[in-house]
Protein backbone atom coordinates (compact mmCIF):
# COMPACT_ATOMS: atom_id res chain seq x y z
CA MET A 1 212.74 0.77 39.72
CA GLU A 2 210.53 -2.29 40.17
CA THR A 3 206.97 -1.93 41.45
CA VAL A 4 205.99 -4.76 43.81
CA ALA A 5 202.50 -3.63 44.93
CA PHE A 6 199.86 -0.92 44.65
CA CYS A 7 197.54 0.53 47.26
CA GLU A 8 194.34 1.96 45.76
CA ILE A 9 190.81 1.92 47.20
CA GLU A 10 188.88 3.29 44.20
CA LYS A 11 187.59 0.74 41.71
CA TYR A 12 188.27 2.60 38.45
CA PRO A 13 191.95 3.35 39.23
CA GLN A 14 192.25 -0.30 40.27
CA LYS A 15 191.11 -1.35 36.78
CA VAL A 16 193.64 0.99 35.14
CA LEU A 17 196.47 -0.35 37.31
CA ALA A 18 195.42 -3.95 36.69
CA LYS A 19 195.41 -3.35 32.92
CA HIS A 20 198.92 -1.90 32.76
CA TRP A 21 200.44 -4.06 35.52
CA PRO A 22 198.38 -7.26 35.49
CA ASN A 23 200.68 -9.24 37.78
CA ILE A 24 201.12 -6.63 40.50
CA PRO A 25 198.89 -7.07 43.60
CA ILE A 26 196.60 -4.22 44.62
CA TYR A 27 195.80 -3.53 48.27
CA GLU A 28 192.76 -1.44 49.15
CA ASP A 29 193.32 -0.28 52.74
CA VAL A 30 196.51 1.70 53.37
CA ARG A 31 195.99 1.22 57.13
CA GLU A 32 196.61 -2.51 56.73
CA LEU A 33 199.48 -2.30 54.25
CA THR A 34 202.63 -2.94 56.27
CA ARG A 35 206.05 -4.42 55.68
CA ASP A 36 204.96 -7.56 57.55
CA ARG A 37 201.86 -7.90 55.36
CA LEU A 38 203.97 -7.70 52.19
CA ILE A 39 206.43 -10.28 53.52
CA LEU A 40 203.73 -12.68 54.69
CA ASP A 41 201.96 -12.40 51.31
CA GLY A 42 205.21 -13.15 49.51
CA VAL A 43 205.20 -9.80 47.73
CA ILE A 44 208.69 -8.90 48.97
CA GLN A 45 211.54 -11.11 50.04
CA TYR A 46 211.30 -12.83 53.38
CA PRO A 47 214.60 -12.17 55.17
CA ASP A 48 216.41 -15.32 56.24
CA ASN A 49 217.20 -13.85 59.66
CA CYS A 50 213.55 -13.05 60.55
CA VAL A 51 210.96 -15.26 62.22
CA ARG A 52 207.19 -15.48 61.92
CA VAL A 53 205.25 -15.14 65.17
CA LEU A 54 201.70 -14.44 66.34
CA ASP A 55 200.73 -11.03 67.65
CA MET A 56 198.31 -10.37 70.53
CA ALA A 57 195.35 -10.75 68.15
CA GLY A 58 196.58 -14.08 66.80
CA LYS A 59 197.72 -12.62 63.46
CA LEU A 60 201.06 -13.37 61.86
CA LYS A 61 203.81 -10.78 62.10
CA ILE A 62 207.59 -10.60 61.69
CA LEU A 63 210.34 -10.34 64.29
CA THR A 64 213.80 -9.33 63.10
CA GLN A 65 216.90 -11.17 64.26
CA ASP A 66 217.89 -8.10 66.24
CA GLN A 67 214.58 -8.20 68.11
CA VAL A 68 215.06 -11.91 68.80
CA ASP A 69 218.58 -11.26 70.12
CA GLN A 70 217.24 -8.52 72.38
CA SER A 71 214.50 -10.88 73.60
CA ILE A 72 217.06 -13.54 74.53
CA LYS A 73 219.13 -10.95 76.36
CA MET A 74 216.07 -9.72 78.26
CA TYR A 75 214.98 -13.23 79.26
CA GLU A 76 218.45 -14.05 80.50
CA SER A 77 218.30 -10.81 82.52
CA GLY A 78 215.19 -11.95 84.37
CA PHE A 79 212.27 -10.73 82.28
CA SER A 80 209.31 -13.01 81.62
CA TYR A 81 208.02 -14.22 78.25
CA GLN A 82 204.92 -12.09 78.86
CA GLU A 83 206.92 -8.90 79.47
CA ILE A 84 209.10 -9.47 76.41
CA GLY A 85 206.14 -10.36 74.21
CA GLU A 86 204.31 -7.18 75.22
CA LEU A 87 207.33 -5.13 74.14
CA TRP A 88 207.06 -6.37 70.54
CA GLY A 89 203.28 -6.90 70.50
CA VAL A 90 203.75 -10.69 70.41
CA SER A 91 201.81 -13.34 72.31
CA ARG A 92 203.47 -15.01 75.28
CA GLN A 93 203.19 -18.42 73.59
CA SER A 94 204.92 -17.18 70.43
CA MET A 95 207.71 -15.59 72.45
CA TRP A 96 208.23 -18.81 74.41
CA GLU A 97 208.35 -20.88 71.20
CA THR A 98 210.70 -18.41 69.49
CA LEU A 99 213.21 -18.46 72.34
CA LYS A 100 212.84 -22.21 72.87
CA ASN A 101 213.72 -22.82 69.21
CA ARG A 102 216.92 -20.84 69.81
CA GLY A 103 218.03 -22.98 72.71
CA VAL A 104 216.79 -20.81 75.57
CA LYS A 105 215.79 -22.94 78.57
CA SER A 106 212.88 -21.74 80.69
CA ARG A 107 213.71 -20.92 84.29
CA PRO A 108 211.50 -21.42 87.37
CA GLN A 109 208.96 -18.64 87.79
CA LEU A 110 210.27 -15.77 89.91
CA ARG A 111 208.34 -13.02 91.61
CA PHE A 112 209.68 -9.56 92.22
CA GLY A 113 208.49 -6.68 94.38
CA LYS A 114 207.15 -3.35 93.20
CA GLU A 115 209.32 -1.44 90.75
CA ASN A 116 211.54 1.22 92.23
CA HIS A 117 211.06 4.79 91.08
CA PHE A 118 213.50 5.75 88.33
CA TYR A 119 213.46 9.10 86.59
CA ARG A 120 212.83 9.04 82.85
CA GLY A 121 214.45 11.74 80.77
CA GLY A 122 214.14 12.70 77.13
CA GLU A 123 211.56 14.23 74.85
CA VAL A 124 210.65 11.02 73.00
CA ALA A 125 209.50 8.63 75.71
CA ASP A 126 208.65 4.96 75.37
CA THR A 127 206.87 4.10 78.60
CA GLN A 128 207.08 0.36 78.07
CA VAL A 129 210.82 0.42 77.40
CA HIS A 130 211.41 2.68 80.39
CA GLY A 131 209.43 0.26 82.55
CA ILE A 132 211.71 -2.56 81.42
CA THR A 133 214.72 -0.38 82.25
CA GLU A 134 213.40 0.22 85.75
CA ARG A 135 212.94 -3.48 86.40
CA ALA A 136 216.35 -4.28 84.94
CA ILE A 137 217.95 -1.82 87.36
CA GLN A 138 216.04 -3.30 90.29
CA ARG A 139 217.04 -6.83 89.35
CA GLY A 140 220.69 -5.92 88.83
CA ALA A 141 220.69 -6.53 85.09
CA LEU A 142 221.68 -2.88 84.62
CA ILE A 143 224.13 -1.16 86.98
CA GLN A 144 224.03 2.62 87.11
CA GLU A 145 227.30 4.34 86.22
CA PRO A 146 228.48 7.98 86.33
CA CYS A 147 227.59 10.32 83.47
CA GLU A 148 229.74 9.33 80.49
CA THR A 149 230.11 12.99 79.49
CA CYS A 150 231.05 14.76 82.73
CA GLY A 151 231.40 12.03 85.34
CA ALA A 152 228.54 13.34 87.52
CA ASN A 153 227.17 10.78 89.97
CA GLY A 154 225.29 12.73 92.64
CA LYS A 155 221.71 13.36 93.76
CA MET A 156 219.19 16.02 92.78
CA ALA A 157 217.37 18.16 95.35
CA ASP A 158 214.44 15.72 95.54
CA GLY A 159 216.74 12.77 96.20
CA ARG A 160 216.67 11.26 92.73
CA SER A 161 219.89 10.34 91.03
CA GLU A 162 221.12 13.00 88.63
CA VAL A 163 222.29 10.21 86.30
CA GLN A 164 219.66 8.79 83.94
CA ALA A 165 219.50 5.78 81.64
CA HIS A 166 219.43 6.96 78.03
CA HIS A 167 218.41 4.89 74.99
CA ASP A 168 219.78 5.65 71.54
CA ASP A 169 217.52 2.89 70.22
CA TYR A 170 214.24 1.88 71.89
CA ASN A 171 214.44 -1.47 70.11
CA LYS A 172 217.29 -2.32 72.52
CA PRO A 173 215.81 -1.78 76.01
CA LEU A 174 218.83 -3.19 77.85
CA GLU A 175 221.41 -1.15 75.94
CA VAL A 176 221.65 2.21 77.71
CA ARG A 177 224.12 5.04 78.15
CA TRP A 178 224.34 6.84 81.49
CA LEU A 179 223.94 10.63 81.24
CA CYS A 180 223.34 13.30 83.85
CA GLN A 181 220.14 15.29 83.49
CA LYS A 182 221.92 18.23 81.84
CA HIS A 183 223.69 16.17 79.18
CA HIS A 184 220.65 13.93 78.71
CA HIS A 185 218.51 16.93 77.81
CA GLU A 186 221.26 18.33 75.58
CA TRP A 187 221.39 15.06 73.63
CA HIS A 188 217.64 15.16 72.97
CA LYS A 189 217.78 18.77 71.75
CA SER A 190 219.75 17.76 68.66
CA ASN A 191 219.14 14.01 68.34
CA ARG A 192 216.25 11.60 68.01
CA PRO A 193 216.26 8.08 69.46
CA ILE A 194 215.14 5.29 67.15
CA PRO A 195 211.48 4.50 68.01
CA ARG A 196 210.47 0.95 68.80
CA GLY A 197 209.39 -0.84 65.63
CA GLU A 198 211.75 0.97 63.26
CA ALA A 199 214.35 -1.35 61.78
CA GLU A 200 216.74 -1.72 58.89
CA PRO A 201 214.82 -1.60 55.58
CA VAL A 202 214.05 -4.95 54.03
CA SER A 203 216.38 -5.82 51.17
CA GLY A 204 214.96 -4.84 47.81
CA VAL A 205 212.43 -2.26 49.06
CA ASP A 206 213.73 1.29 48.83
CA VAL A 207 210.71 3.56 48.29
CA LEU A 208 207.03 3.70 49.22
CA CYS A 209 205.31 6.42 47.21
CA GLY A 210 201.74 7.56 46.65
CA GLY A 211 199.66 9.13 43.90
CA PHE A 212 197.64 7.67 41.07
CA PRO A 213 199.60 7.81 37.76
């Protein structure tokens, strides 16, 4: 196992670590120690298929290729740079530059009416992703289909569709499966969707562990 960094706030343990591992960087605040921070500092390998962008606060962060691909798909489905940037916590300008550098041509600005109501199912909700799903349905980027498990395609007592858009992965807001309310709830009883922000581990980093030696 190769140690690439330490996180220790106390000064004496820092001295001990620096003595035994003089070339290993030491970070003090665990709240600021992220994968992006390690990549941007050159501590771990910068993946070739990732891009550097600015977040809402003007700080550098990393977007994976999968997130960029999803952003292109969303823009081509009618979403704005602002909406896509907010999904990943990236500034509108950075999102525009990222997509521009990948050959995406900006379209004329379009205005849409208020979002239609669309029931959200599931125990682990991502309000922002569900909002994107609602707008995608309204704009025709997503077409509702019958439940893939039982074929249901009716209405509930309150008039809402009994078929709901389900996400296996909240990092892919336009990739949904259509499930009736019953089978949607059953899925969430024994499964967990991938939260937004979780991604494949960076090559070469397998374990983050704590405890002063």
